[in-house]
């Protein structure tokens, strides 16, 4: 199969300047560890930011989510009237969990076995991209098995000082190439990286 036409796995992460990824959307989204900064992303959302996320979603026909991110999304998007709700609700959701016995959000599929070979198999299927949002622990596994084709890092001009960070577990060195960069009027950096050759 031509590499350029192969289905890609795209990881998209919203981060503070100090690398925190926890609860960007809503105050009560994820309070684990006593996190009190939930909803920190809201002040930085504008049209250019929205367009970038809309393009990422439009490039995909499936999401791959860890259990915690799935629970947050499944509790919000099925009831949402926002424009993004329709494509997110319609696309296939692959959910990685060892504890869940079922997934109720429409078009959701539970992955209970070994993640890496299952994701490698999904990437060989025909279709658009598979996008990962949040799911920090899952992302470590995907990076560790060299399954990530594109890493979109959206860095906000805020230092939170506490919270779950994206790169919190040791992984082998990964060299990346910057494929695209944009800055929004509110100072948000949208950076798109791909694995470097060699």
Protein backbone atom coordinates (compact mmCIF):
# COMPACT_ATOMS: atom_id res chain seq x y z
CA UNK A 1 0.00 0.00 0.00
CA UNK A 2 1.28 3.48 -0.87
CA UNK A 3 2.39 5.18 2.39
CA UNK A 4 0.82 8.49 1.31
CA UNK A 5 -2.58 6.83 0.98
CA UNK A 6 -2.38 4.79 4.14
CA UNK A 7 -4.79 5.60 6.92
CA UNK A 8 -3.00 7.82 9.45
CA UNK A 9 -3.20 7.95 13.21
CA UNK A 10 -3.37 11.59 14.31
CA UNK A 11 -2.93 12.55 17.98
CA UNK A 12 -4.34 15.99 18.87
CA UNK A 13 -3.58 17.41 22.31
CA UNK A 14 -4.50 20.66 24.05
CA UNK A 15 -1.69 21.70 26.42
CA UNK A 16 -0.83 24.53 28.77
CA UNK A 17 2.62 26.06 28.40
CA UNK A 18 3.87 23.77 31.18
CA UNK A 19 2.50 20.68 29.43
CA UNK A 20 -0.73 20.09 31.38
CA UNK A 21 -3.48 18.36 29.41
CA UNK A 22 -6.04 17.80 32.19
CA UNK A 23 -9.59 19.11 31.86
CA UNK A 24 -9.17 21.80 29.18
CA UNK A 25 -12.87 22.05 28.38
CA UNK A 26 -15.04 22.30 31.49
CA UNK A 27 -14.56 23.09 35.21
CA UNK A 28 -15.74 19.64 36.34
CA UNK A 29 -14.37 17.67 33.38
CA UNK A 30 -11.65 15.90 35.37
CA UNK A 31 -10.95 16.87 38.98
CA UNK A 32 -8.74 13.86 39.76
CA UNK A 33 -5.87 14.74 42.07
CA UNK A 34 -7.74 17.83 43.31
CA UNK A 35 -7.30 19.61 39.96
CA UNK A 36 -8.97 23.02 40.22
CA UNK A 37 -8.17 24.60 36.84
CA UNK A 38 -10.77 22.79 34.70
CA UNK A 39 -11.95 24.76 31.67
CA UNK A 40 -8.63 26.60 31.26
CA UNK A 41 -8.87 26.45 27.46
CA UNK A 42 -12.12 28.39 27.11
CA UNK A 43 -10.58 31.89 27.24
CA UNK A 44 -8.40 31.10 24.21
CA UNK A 45 -11.03 29.72 21.85
CA UNK A 46 -11.60 31.81 18.70
CA UNK A 47 -12.56 31.30 15.06
CA UNK A 48 -9.07 30.33 13.90
CA UNK A 49 -8.72 27.83 16.74
CA UNK A 50 -12.12 26.36 15.91
CA UNK A 51 -11.25 26.06 12.22
CA UNK A 52 -8.09 24.09 13.04
CA UNK A 53 -9.97 21.61 15.22
CA UNK A 54 -12.79 21.33 12.67
CA UNK A 55 -10.23 20.43 9.98
CA UNK A 56 -8.70 17.76 12.20
CA UNK A 57 -12.12 16.21 12.82
CA UNK A 58 -13.08 16.43 9.13
CA UNK A 59 -9.91 14.54 8.17
CA UNK A 60 -11.01 11.53 10.25
CA UNK A 61 -13.79 8.98 10.22
CA UNK A 62 -12.84 7.34 13.53
CA UNK A 63 -11.63 8.25 17.02
CA UNK A 64 -9.42 6.18 19.27
CA UNK A 65 -9.94 7.00 22.95
CA UNK A 66 -8.76 5.88 26.35
CA UNK A 67 -11.45 4.98 28.88
CA UNK A 68 -11.34 8.21 30.88
CA UNK A 69 -11.50 10.47 27.79
CA UNK A 70 -14.26 8.30 26.37
CA UNK A 71 -16.31 8.73 29.57
CA UNK A 72 -15.89 12.53 29.38
CA UNK A 73 -16.79 12.70 25.69
CA UNK A 74 -19.71 10.25 25.97
CA UNK A 75 -21.15 12.32 28.81
CA UNK A 76 -21.02 15.54 26.77
CA UNK A 77 -21.19 15.17 22.98
CA UNK A 78 -24.39 13.09 22.54
CA UNK A 79 -26.35 15.90 24.26
CA UNK A 80 -24.46 18.81 22.71
CA UNK A 81 -25.96 21.15 20.10
CA UNK A 82 -22.51 22.42 19.02
CA UNK A 83 -21.52 22.11 15.38
CA UNK A 84 -18.74 19.62 16.20
CA UNK A 85 -21.21 17.24 17.86
CA UNK A 86 -22.61 15.86 14.61
CA UNK A 87 -19.35 14.49 13.12
CA UNK A 88 -18.11 13.28 16.52
CA UNK A 89 -21.34 11.42 17.23
CA UNK A 90 -21.40 9.93 13.72
CA UNK A 91 -17.85 8.62 13.50
CA UNK A 92 -16.70 5.26 14.84
CA UNK A 93 -15.22 5.41 18.35
CA UNK A 94 -12.66 2.76 19.32
CA UNK A 95 -12.42 2.66 23.10
CA UNK A 96 -9.45 1.11 24.92
CA UNK A 97 -10.44 -0.22 28.34
CA UNK A 98 -9.69 -3.21 30.54
CA UNK A 99 -12.51 -2.40 32.98
CA UNK A 100 -15.51 -1.45 30.84
CA UNK A 101 -17.79 -4.28 29.74
CA UNK A 102 -19.81 -2.18 27.26
CA UNK A 103 -19.77 1.20 25.52
CA UNK A 104 -23.08 3.00 24.98
CA UNK A 105 -22.20 6.05 22.84
CA UNK A 106 -23.41 5.41 19.30
CA UNK A 107 -20.92 3.77 16.93
CA UNK A 108 -18.54 2.82 19.75
CA UNK A 109 -16.40 -0.33 19.68
CA UNK A 110 -14.61 -1.71 22.74
CA UNK A 111 -10.96 -2.77 22.47
CA UNK A 112 -10.07 -5.01 25.41
CA UNK A 113 -7.03 -6.88 24.12
CA UNK A 114 -3.51 -5.84 23.21
CA UNK A 115 -3.77 -2.27 21.91
CA UNK A 116 -0.75 -2.04 19.60
CA UNK A 117 -1.58 -4.86 17.15
CA UNK A 118 -5.24 -3.84 17.06
CA UNK A 119 -4.38 -0.23 16.22
CA UNK A 120 -1.85 -1.39 13.60
CA UNK A 121 -4.64 -3.48 12.04
CA UNK A 122 -7.08 -0.54 12.06
CA UNK A 123 -4.50 1.61 10.28
CA UNK A 124 -4.39 -0.93 7.45
CA UNK A 125 -8.13 -0.65 6.83
CA UNK A 126 -9.43 1.71 4.17
CA UNK A 127 -10.82 5.00 5.37
CA UNK A 128 -9.90 8.47 6.55
CA UNK A 129 -7.64 9.22 9.50
CA UNK A 130 -8.09 7.94 13.04
CA UNK A 131 -7.85 10.80 15.56
CA UNK A 132 -6.92 10.59 19.23
CA UNK A 133 -7.94 13.36 21.65
CA UNK A 134 -6.72 13.47 25.25
CA UNK A 135 -6.14 9.85 26.34
CA UNK A 136 -2.69 10.57 27.79
CA UNK A 137 -1.88 7.04 28.94
CA UNK A 138 -2.99 5.56 25.62
CA UNK A 139 -0.84 8.09 23.73
CA UNK A 140 2.25 6.85 25.62
CA UNK A 141 1.53 3.34 24.34
CA UNK A 142 0.96 4.53 20.77
CA UNK A 143 4.20 6.52 20.77
CA UNK A 144 6.08 3.62 22.31
CA UNK A 145 4.99 1.36 19.44
CA UNK A 146 5.67 4.00 16.75
CA UNK A 147 2.01 4.08 15.70
CA UNK A 148 1.57 7.87 15.64
CA UNK A 149 1.78 9.41 12.16
CA UNK A 150 1.01 12.98 13.15
CA UNK A 151 1.13 14.80 16.48
CA UNK A 152 -0.90 18.01 16.69
CA UNK A 153 0.09 19.96 19.80
CA UNK A 154 -2.05 22.99 20.63
CA UNK A 155 -0.14 25.08 23.21
CA UNK A 156 -2.00 27.74 25.18
CA UNK A 157 -0.29 30.76 26.77
CA UNK A 158 -1.07 29.78 30.35
CA UNK A 159 0.96 28.11 33.11
CA UNK A 160 -1.20 25.96 35.39
CA UNK A 161 1.46 24.62 37.74
CA UNK A 162 -0.30 21.32 38.42
CA UNK A 163 -2.27 18.62 36.65
CA UNK A 164 -1.72 15.62 34.40
CA UNK A 165 0.93 16.16 31.77
CA UNK A 166 1.03 14.58 28.34
CA UNK A 167 4.60 13.28 28.58
CA UNK A 168 4.58 11.95 32.13
CA UNK A 169 5.95 8.44 31.59
CA UNK A 170 9.41 7.62 30.24
CA UNK A 171 9.46 6.71 26.55
CA UNK A 172 12.28 6.21 24.08
CA UNK A 173 13.58 9.26 22.26
CA UNK A 174 11.40 10.34 19.31
CA UNK A 175 12.72 12.72 16.65
CA UNK A 176 10.00 14.77 14.98
CA UNK A 177 9.74 17.10 12.01
CA UNK A 178 7.62 20.25 12.20
CA UNK A 179 5.18 20.00 9.29
CA UNK A 180 3.06 23.08 9.98
CA UNK A 181 2.72 25.86 12.53
CA UNK A 182 0.09 28.51 13.13
CA UNK A 183 -0.59 31.06 15.83
CA UNK A 184 -4.06 32.31 16.64
CA UNK A 185 -4.89 35.94 17.51
CA UNK A 186 -5.11 34.88 21.18
CA UNK A 187 -1.58 33.49 21.18
CA UNK A 188 -2.33 29.78 20.86
CA UNK A 189 0.34 27.82 18.99
CA UNK A 190 -0.97 25.04 16.73
CA UNK A 191 1.98 22.79 15.88
CA UNK A 192 1.84 19.71 13.68
CA UNK A 193 4.69 17.22 13.86
CA UNK A 194 5.47 14.03 11.99
CA UNK A 195 8.02 11.35 12.86
CA UNK A 196 11.44 12.22 11.45
CA UNK A 197 13.09 9.73 9.16
CA UNK A 198 16.13 7.77 10.31
